[in-house]
Amino acid sequence: MLCPICGAQMEEGGLIIDGVAPGWVPMEEFKKKGAARLLYTGLRTIGKTNILLSQTRVPNAFFCKNCNKIVGIFDVTNRIDE
């Protein structure tokens, strides 16, 4: 995959998250402050969680050594909202 920022070839890999599963939220939810951050609506999680290892693995992450960025194409694995 070519980097959308600088055009260099990117290295394919994946993300490993220890603890809480990563997720995407709409910008208005992302900007919440204080105690409001305890509850999000529109959350979409990504990756496959292993409860025993307390780890989430997310494939399809590409790293650009040239501009030090990671770009991902992630499948939504769960919708937690409304």
PDB file of N, CA and C in Angstrom:
ATOM      1  N   MET A   1       0.856  -1.175   0.000  1.00  0.00           N
ATOM      2  CA  MET A   1       0.000   0.000   0.000  1.00  0.00           C
ATOM      3  C   MET A   1       0.897   1.232   0.000  1.00  0.00           C
ATOM      4  N   LEU A   2       0.502   2.229  -0.774  1.00  0.00           N
ATOM      5  CA  LEU A   2       1.247   3.478  -0.808  1.00  0.00           C
ATOM      6  C   LEU A   2       0.694   4.442   0.235  1.00  0.00           C
ATOM      7  N   CYS A   3       1.596   5.166   0.882  1.00  0.00           N
ATOM      8  CA  CYS A   3       1.205   6.130   1.909  1.00  0.00           C
ATOM      9  C   CYS A   3       0.368   7.246   1.278  1.00  0.00           C
ATOM     10  N   PRO A   4      -0.814   7.546   1.824  1.00  0.00           N
ATOM     11  CA  PRO A   4      -1.647   8.608   1.266  1.00  0.00           C
ATOM     12  C   PRO A   4      -1.076  10.004   1.541  1.00  0.00           C
ATOM     13  N   ILE A   5      -0.067  10.103   2.403  1.00  0.00           N
ATOM     14  CA  ILE A   5       0.513  11.402   2.745  1.00  0.00           C
ATOM     15  C   ILE A   5       1.730  11.717   1.879  1.00  0.00           C
ATOM     16  N   CYS A   6       2.689  10.758   1.798  1.00  0.00           N
ATOM     17  CA  CYS A   6       3.939  11.039   1.080  1.00  0.00           C
ATOM     18  C   CYS A   6       4.137  10.183  -0.165  1.00  0.00           C
ATOM     19  N   GLY A   7       3.331   9.133  -0.349  1.00  0.00           N
ATOM     20  CA  GLY A   7       3.423   8.282  -1.528  1.00  0.00           C
ATOM     21  C   GLY A   7       4.429   7.144  -1.439  1.00  0.00           C
ATOM     22  N   ALA A   8       5.142   7.012  -0.314  1.00  0.00           N
ATOM     23  CA  ALA A   8       6.119   5.933  -0.141  1.00  0.00           C
ATOM     24  C   ALA A   8       5.413   4.598   0.102  1.00  0.00           C
ATOM     25  N   GLN A   9       6.130   3.505  -0.163  1.00  0.00           N
ATOM     26  CA  GLN A   9       5.598   2.174   0.112  1.00  0.00           C
ATOM     27  C   GLN A   9       5.462   1.990   1.624  1.00  0.00           C
ATOM     28  N   MET A  10       4.344   1.417   2.074  1.00  0.00           N
ATOM     29  CA  MET A  10       4.097   1.206   3.501  1.00  0.00           C
ATOM     30  C   MET A  10       4.306  -0.258   3.856  1.00  0.00           C
ATOM     31  N   GLU A  11       4.666  -0.507   5.106  1.00  0.00           N
ATOM     32  CA  GLU A  11       4.863  -1.870   5.605  1.00  0.00           C
ATOM     33  C   GLU A  11       3.571  -2.355   6.257  1.00  0.00           C
ATOM     34  N   GLU A  12       3.086  -3.539   5.833  1.00  0.00           N
ATOM     35  CA  GLU A  12       1.857  -4.091   6.404  1.00  0.00           C
ATOM     36  C   GLU A  12       2.134  -4.697   7.772  1.00  0.00           C
ATOM     37  N   GLY A  13       1.214  -4.501   8.689  1.00  0.00           N
ATOM     38  CA  GLY A  13       1.328  -5.069  10.031  1.00  0.00           C
ATOM     39  C   GLY A  13      -0.025  -5.069  10.702  1.00  0.00           C
ATOM     40  N   GLY A  14      -0.037  -4.963  12.008  1.00  0.00           N
ATOM     41  CA  GLY A  14      -1.278  -4.937  12.774  1.00  0.00           C
ATOM     42  C   GLY A  14      -1.066  -4.211  14.079  1.00  0.00           C
ATOM     43  N   LEU A  15      -2.155  -3.867  14.723  1.00  0.00           N
ATOM     44  CA  LEU A  15      -2.101  -3.204  16.022  1.00  0.00           C
ATOM     45  C   LEU A  15      -2.373  -4.227  17.110  1.00  0.00           C
ATOM     46  N   ILE A  16      -1.685  -4.111  18.231  1.00  0.00           N
ATOM     47  CA  ILE A  16      -1.959  -4.939  19.405  1.00  0.00           C
ATOM     48  C   ILE A  16      -2.267  -3.981  20.539  1.00  0.00           C
ATOM     49  N   ILE A  17      -3.425  -4.118  21.125  1.00  0.00           N
ATOM     50  CA  ILE A  17      -3.872  -3.239  22.203  1.00  0.00           C
ATOM     51  C   ILE A  17      -3.985  -4.058  23.471  1.00  0.00           C
ATOM     52  N   ASP A  18      -3.265  -3.656  24.501  1.00  0.00           N
ATOM     53  CA  ASP A  18      -3.366  -4.323  25.804  1.00  0.00           C
ATOM     54  C   ASP A  18      -4.484  -3.666  26.594  1.00  0.00           C
ATOM     55  N   GLY A  19      -5.379  -4.463  27.148  1.00  0.00           N
ATOM     56  CA  GLY A  19      -6.458  -3.915  27.972  1.00  0.00           C
ATOM     57  C   GLY A  19      -7.719  -3.680  27.177  1.00  0.00           C
ATOM     58  N   VAL A  20      -8.196  -2.460  27.161  1.00  0.00           N
ATOM     59  CA  VAL A  20      -9.483  -2.090  26.577  1.00  0.00           C
ATOM     60  C   VAL A  20      -9.433  -2.151  25.053  1.00  0.00           C
ATOM     61  N   ALA A  21     -10.519  -2.652  24.452  1.00  0.00           N
ATOM     62  CA  ALA A  21     -10.618  -2.729  22.992  1.00  0.00           C
ATOM     63  C   ALA A  21     -10.726  -1.324  22.396  1.00  0.00           C
ATOM     64  N   PRO A  22     -10.061  -1.075  21.263  1.00  0.00           N
ATOM     65  CA  PRO A  22     -10.151   0.235  20.618  1.00  0.00           C
ATOM     66  C   PRO A  22     -11.486   0.392  19.919  1.00  0.00           C
ATOM     67  N   GLY A  23     -11.890   1.627  19.737  1.00  0.00           N
ATOM     68  CA  GLY A  23     -13.143   1.878  19.054  1.00  0.00           C
ATOM     69  C   GLY A  23     -13.163   3.232  18.382  1.00  0.00           C
ATOM     70  N   TRP A  24     -14.130   3.424  17.502  1.00  0.00           N
ATOM     71  CA  TRP A  24     -14.337   4.667  16.777  1.00  0.00           C
ATOM     72  C   TRP A  24     -15.632   5.286  17.264  1.00  0.00           C
ATOM     73  N   VAL A  25     -15.642   6.622  17.423  1.00  0.00           N
ATOM     74  CA  VAL A  25     -16.856   7.357  17.771  1.00  0.00           C
ATOM     75  C   VAL A  25     -16.953   8.579  16.869  1.00  0.00           C
ATOM     76  N   PRO A  26     -18.177   9.099  16.644  1.00  0.00           N
ATOM     77  CA  PRO A  26     -18.324  10.328  15.876  1.00  0.00           C
ATOM     78  C   PRO A  26     -17.591  11.481  16.575  1.00  0.00           C
ATOM     79  N   MET A  27     -17.199  12.499  15.816  1.00  0.00           N
ATOM     80  CA  MET A  27     -16.392  13.598  16.344  1.00  0.00           C
ATOM     81  C   MET A  27     -17.022  14.287  17.551  1.00  0.00           C
ATOM     82  N   GLU A  28     -18.342  14.474  17.549  1.00  0.00           N
ATOM     83  CA  GLU A  28     -18.978  15.144  18.701  1.00  0.00           C
ATOM     84  C   GLU A  28     -18.808  14.324  19.981  1.00  0.00           C
ATOM     85  N   GLU A  29     -18.780  13.006  19.847  1.00  0.00           N
ATOM     86  CA  GLU A  29     -18.534  12.141  21.006  1.00  0.00           C
ATOM     87  C   GLU A  29     -17.051  12.187  21.400  1.00  0.00           C
ATOM     88  N   PHE A  30     -16.176  12.201  20.402  1.00  0.00           N
ATOM     89  CA  PHE A  30     -14.732  12.233  20.630  1.00  0.00           C
ATOM     90  C   PHE A  30     -14.314  13.488  21.398  1.00  0.00           C
ATOM     91  N   LYS A  31     -15.010  14.598  21.172  1.00  0.00           N
ATOM     92  CA  LYS A  31     -14.661  15.877  21.802  1.00  0.00           C
ATOM     93  C   LYS A  31     -15.195  16.031  23.223  1.00  0.00           C
ATOM     94  N   LYS A  32     -15.932  15.064  23.736  1.00  0.00           N
ATOM     95  CA  LYS A  32     -16.475  15.156  25.094  1.00  0.00           C
ATOM     96  C   LYS A  32     -15.367  15.393  26.108  1.00  0.00           C
ATOM     97  N   LYS A  33     -15.714  16.081  27.189  1.00  0.00           N
ATOM     98  CA  LYS A  33     -14.747  16.368  28.247  1.00  0.00           C
ATOM     99  C   LYS A  33     -15.298  15.912  29.593  1.00  0.00           C
ATOM    100  N   GLY A  34     -14.410  15.739  30.551  1.00  0.00           N
ATOM    101  CA  GLY A  34     -14.800  15.407  31.919  1.00  0.00           C
ATOM    102  C   GLY A  34     -15.540  14.088  32.036  1.00  0.00           C
ATOM    103  N   ALA A  35     -16.511  14.061  32.949  1.00  0.00           N
ATOM    104  CA  ALA A  35     -17.261  12.838  33.247  1.00  0.00           C
ATOM    105  C   ALA A  35     -18.096  12.362  32.056  1.00  0.00           C
ATOM    106  N   ALA A  36     -18.388  13.240  31.111  1.00  0.00           N
ATOM    107  CA  ALA A  36     -19.162  12.850  29.925  1.00  0.00           C
ATOM    108  C   ALA A  36     -18.431  11.780  29.114  1.00  0.00           C
ATOM    109  N   ARG A  37     -17.111  11.669  29.309  1.00  0.00           N
ATOM    110  CA  ARG A  37     -16.329  10.672  28.567  1.00  0.00           C
ATOM    111  C   ARG A  37     -16.545   9.250  29.078  1.00  0.00           C
ATOM    112  N   LEU A  38     -17.284   9.092  30.150  1.00  0.00           N
ATOM    113  CA  LEU A  38     -17.554   7.756  30.679  1.00  0.00           C
ATOM    114  C   LEU A  38     -18.584   7.002  29.845  1.00  0.00           C
ATOM    115  N   LEU A  39     -19.368   7.725  29.035  1.00  0.00           N
ATOM    116  CA  LEU A  39     -20.414   7.095  28.230  1.00  0.00           C
ATOM    117  C   LEU A  39     -20.403   7.689  26.825  1.00  0.00           C
ATOM    118  N   TYR A  40     -20.201   6.846  25.842  1.00  0.00           N
ATOM    119  CA  TYR A  40     -20.207   7.278  24.442  1.00  0.00           C
ATOM    120  C   TYR A  40     -21.371   6.617  23.712  1.00  0.00           C
ATOM    121  N   THR A  41     -21.946   7.339  22.751  1.00  0.00           N
ATOM    122  CA  THR A  41     -22.928   6.733  21.855  1.00  0.00           C
ATOM    123  C   THR A  41     -22.300   6.664  20.470  1.00  0.00           C
ATOM    124  N   GLY A  42     -22.712   5.694  19.693  1.00  0.00           N
ATOM    125  CA  GLY A  42     -22.175   5.531  18.346  1.00  0.00           C
ATOM    126  C   GLY A  42     -20.835   4.829  18.296  1.00  0.00           C
ATOM    127  N   LEU A  43     -20.419   4.180  19.391  1.00  0.00           N
ATOM    128  CA  LEU A  43     -19.120   3.508  19.442  1.00  0.00           C
ATOM    129  C   LEU A  43     -19.104   2.263  18.562  1.00  0.00           C
ATOM    130  N   ARG A  44     -18.077   2.155  17.723  1.00  0.00           N
ATOM    131  CA  ARG A  44     -17.844   0.962  16.902  1.00  0.00           C
ATOM    132  C   ARG A  44     -16.484   0.410  17.293  1.00  0.00           C
ATOM    133  N   THR A  45     -16.428  -0.822  17.770  1.00  0.00           N
ATOM    134  CA  THR A  45     -15.146  -1.401  18.157  1.00  0.00           C
ATOM    135  C   THR A  45     -14.493  -2.077  16.960  1.00  0.00           C
ATOM    136  N   ILE A  46     -13.178  -2.222  17.039  1.00  0.00           N
ATOM    137  CA  ILE A  46     -12.426  -2.898  15.984  1.00  0.00           C
ATOM    138  C   ILE A  46     -11.533  -3.950  16.620  1.00  0.00           C
ATOM    139  N   GLY A  47     -11.196  -4.968  15.861  1.00  0.00           N
ATOM    140  CA  GLY A  47     -10.273  -5.985  16.343  1.00  0.00           C
ATOM    141  C   GLY A  47     -10.948  -7.176  16.991  1.00  0.00           C
ATOM    142  N   LYS A  48     -10.129  -8.178  17.305  1.00  0.00           N
ATOM    143  CA  LYS A  48     -10.592  -9.404  17.950  1.00  0.00           C
ATOM    144  C   LYS A  48      -9.959  -9.479  19.330  1.00  0.00           C
ATOM    145  N   THR A  49     -10.801  -9.473  20.375  1.00  0.00           N
ATOM    146  CA  THR A  49     -10.316  -9.446  21.749  1.00  0.00           C
ATOM    147  C   THR A  49     -10.155 -10.848  22.309  1.00  0.00           C
ATOM    148  N   ASN A  50      -9.039 -11.073  22.995  1.00  0.00           N
ATOM    149  CA  ASN A  50      -8.775 -12.308  23.717  1.00  0.00           C
ATOM    150  C   ASN A  50      -8.844 -11.962  25.199  1.00  0.00           C
ATOM    151  N   ILE A  51      -9.930 -12.366  25.862  1.00  0.00           N
ATOM    152  CA  ILE A  51     -10.151 -12.035  27.272  1.00  0.00           C
ATOM    153  C   ILE A  51      -9.039 -12.595  28.154  1.00  0.00           C
ATOM    154  N   LEU A  52      -8.607 -13.814  27.896  1.00  0.00           N
ATOM    155  CA  LEU A  52      -7.574 -14.456  28.703  1.00  0.00           C
ATOM    156  C   LEU A  52      -6.264 -13.664  28.692  1.00  0.00           C
ATOM    157  N   LEU A  53      -5.853 -13.203  27.512  1.00  0.00           N
ATOM    158  CA  LEU A  53      -4.609 -12.437  27.392  1.00  0.00           C
ATOM    159  C   LEU A  53      -4.807 -10.943  27.626  1.00  0.00           C
ATOM    160  N   SER A  54      -6.064 -10.506  27.727  1.00  0.00           N
ATOM    161  CA  SER A  54      -6.395  -9.084  27.870  1.00  0.00           C
ATOM    162  C   SER A  54      -5.752  -8.276  26.739  1.00  0.00           C
ATOM    163  N   GLN A  55      -5.960  -8.765  25.521  1.00  0.00           N
ATOM    164  CA  GLN A  55      -5.329  -8.181  24.350  1.00  0.00           C
ATOM    165  C   GLN A  55      -6.308  -8.148  23.187  1.00  0.00           C
ATOM    166  N   THR A  56      -6.220  -7.105  22.373  1.00  0.00           N
ATOM    167  CA  THR A  56      -7.000  -7.025  21.146  1.00  0.00           C
ATOM    168  C   THR A  56      -6.037  -6.912  19.974  1.00  0.00           C
ATOM    169  N   ARG A  57      -6.270  -7.727  18.953  1.00  0.00           N
ATOM    170  CA  ARG A  57      -5.424  -7.712  17.755  1.00  0.00           C
ATOM    171  C   ARG A  57      -6.231  -7.125  16.599  1.00  0.00           C
ATOM    172  N   VAL A  58      -5.642  -6.147  15.909  1.00  0.00           N
ATOM    173  CA  VAL A  58      -6.310  -5.469  14.807  1.00  0.00           C
ATOM    174  C   VAL A  58      -5.422  -5.562  13.560  1.00  0.00           C
ATOM    175  N   PRO A  59      -5.853  -6.338  12.542  1.00  0.00           N
ATOM    176  CA  PRO A  59      -5.055  -6.450  11.319  1.00  0.00           C
ATOM    177  C   PRO A  59      -5.252  -5.241  10.400  1.00  0.00           C
ATOM    178  N   ASN A  60      -4.534  -5.239   9.290  1.00  0.00           N
ATOM    179  CA  ASN A  60      -4.661  -4.230   8.232  1.00  0.00           C
ATOM    180  C   ASN A  60      -4.228  -2.834   8.660  1.00  0.00           C
ATOM    181  N   ALA A  61      -3.118  -2.760   9.397  1.00  0.00           N
ATOM    182  CA  ALA A  61      -2.514  -1.475   9.743  1.00  0.00           C
ATOM    183  C   ALA A  61      -1.214  -1.358   8.952  1.00  0.00           C
ATOM    184  N   PHE A  62      -1.015  -0.241   8.298  1.00  0.00           N
ATOM    185  CA  PHE A  62       0.152  -0.044   7.439  1.00  0.00           C
ATOM    186  C   PHE A  62       0.992   1.108   7.981  1.00  0.00           C
ATOM    187  N   PHE A  63       2.319   0.882   8.096  1.00  0.00           N
ATOM    188  CA  PHE A  63       3.236   1.861   8.672  1.00  0.00           C
ATOM    189  C   PHE A  63       4.125   2.464   7.591  1.00  0.00           C
ATOM    190  N   CYS A  64       4.222   3.789   7.576  1.00  0.00           N
ATOM    191  CA  CYS A  64       5.106   4.495   6.652  1.00  0.00           C
ATOM    192  C   CYS A  64       6.349   4.947   7.414  1.00  0.00           C
ATOM    193  N   LYS A  65       7.498   4.375   7.061  1.00  0.00           N
ATOM    194  CA  LYS A  65       8.764   4.750   7.702  1.00  0.00           C
ATOM    195  C   LYS A  65       9.175   6.166   7.326  1.00  0.00           C
ATOM    196  N   ASN A  66       8.753   6.616   6.148  1.00  0.00           N
ATOM    197  CA  ASN A  66       9.139   7.929   5.647  1.00  0.00           C
ATOM    198  C   ASN A  66       8.517   9.073   6.455  1.00  0.00           C
ATOM    199  N   CYS A  67       7.220   8.992   6.760  1.00  0.00           N
ATOM    200  CA  CYS A  67       6.568  10.083   7.504  1.00  0.00           C
ATOM    201  C   CYS A  67       6.103   9.657   8.887  1.00  0.00           C
ATOM    202  N   ASN A  68       6.434   8.418   9.280  1.00  0.00           N
ATOM    203  CA  ASN A  68       6.156   7.923  10.637  1.00  0.00           C
ATOM    204  C   ASN A  68       4.662   7.940  10.977  1.00  0.00           C
ATOM    205  N   LYS A  69       3.852   7.463  10.051  1.00  0.00           N
ATOM    206  CA  LYS A  69       2.393   7.414  10.223  1.00  0.00           C
ATOM    207  C   LYS A  69       1.896   5.982  10.059  1.00  0.00           C
ATOM    208  N   ILE A  70       0.772   5.685  10.715  1.00  0.00           N
ATOM    209  CA  ILE A  70       0.088   4.404  10.551  1.00  0.00           C
ATOM    210  C   ILE A  70      -1.284   4.680   9.945  1.00  0.00           C
ATOM    211  N   VAL A  71      -1.607   3.944   8.902  1.00  0.00           N
ATOM    212  CA  VAL A  71      -2.905   4.049   8.241  1.00  0.00           C
ATOM    213  C   VAL A  71      -3.568   2.692   8.363  1.00  0.00           C
ATOM    214  N   GLY A  72      -4.870   2.681   8.656  1.00  0.00           N
ATOM    215  CA  GLY A  72      -5.550   1.410   8.825  1.00  0.00           C
ATOM    216  C   GLY A  72      -6.834   1.306   8.035  1.00  0.00           C
ATOM    217  N   ILE A  73      -7.154   0.080   7.665  1.00  0.00           N
ATOM    218  CA  ILE A  73      -8.434  -0.260   7.052  1.00  0.00           C
ATOM    219  C   ILE A  73      -9.014  -1.341   7.950  1.00  0.00           C
ATOM    220  N   PHE A  74      -9.955  -0.957   8.809  1.00  0.00           N
ATOM    221  CA  PHE A  74     -10.412  -1.840   9.870  1.00  0.00           C
ATOM    222  C   PHE A  74     -11.865  -2.254   9.691  1.00  0.00           C
ATOM    223  N   ASP A  75     -12.144  -3.543   9.924  1.00  0.00           N
ATOM    224  CA  ASP A  75     -13.515  -4.038   9.956  1.00  0.00           C
ATOM    225  C   ASP A  75     -14.122  -3.689  11.308  1.00  0.00           C
ATOM    226  N   VAL A  76     -15.349  -3.195  11.306  1.00  0.00           N
ATOM    227  CA  VAL A  76     -16.069  -2.948  12.553  1.00  0.00           C
ATOM    228  C   VAL A  76     -16.522  -4.300  13.084  1.00  0.00           C
ATOM    229  N   THR A  77     -16.197  -4.600  14.347  1.00  0.00           N
ATOM    230  CA  THR A  77     -16.537  -5.901  14.913  1.00  0.00           C
ATOM    231  C   THR A  77     -17.722  -5.854  15.859  1.00  0.00           C
ATOM    232  N   ASN A  78     -18.096  -4.660  16.297  1.00  0.00           N
ATOM    233  CA  ASN A  78     -19.211  -4.543  17.229  1.00  0.00           C
ATOM    234  C   ASN A  78     -19.731  -3.120  17.189  1.00  0.00           C
ATOM    235  N   ARG A  79     -21.036  -2.973  17.304  1.00  0.00           N
ATOM    236  CA  ARG A  79     -21.646  -1.645  17.340  1.00  0.00           C
ATOM    237  C   ARG A  79     -22.309  -1.486  18.695  1.00  0.00           C
ATOM    238  N   ILE A  80     -21.785  -0.553  19.486  1.00  0.00           N
ATOM    239  CA  ILE A  80     -22.326  -0.297  20.822  1.00  0.00           C
ATOM    240  C   ILE A  80     -22.839   1.134  20.818  1.00  0.00           C
ATOM    241  N   ASP A  81     -24.123   1.301  20.648  1.00  0.00           N
ATOM    242  CA  ASP A  81     -24.644   2.670  20.605  1.00  0.00           C
ATOM    243  C   ASP A  81     -26.118   2.724  20.959  1.00  0.00           C
ATOM    244  N   GLU A  82     -26.573   3.967  20.901  1.00  0.00           N
ATOM    245  CA  GLU A  82     -27.964   4.332  21.167  1.00  0.00           C
ATOM    246  C   GLU A  82     -28.517   3.448  22.211  1.00  0.00           C
TER     247      GLU A  82
END
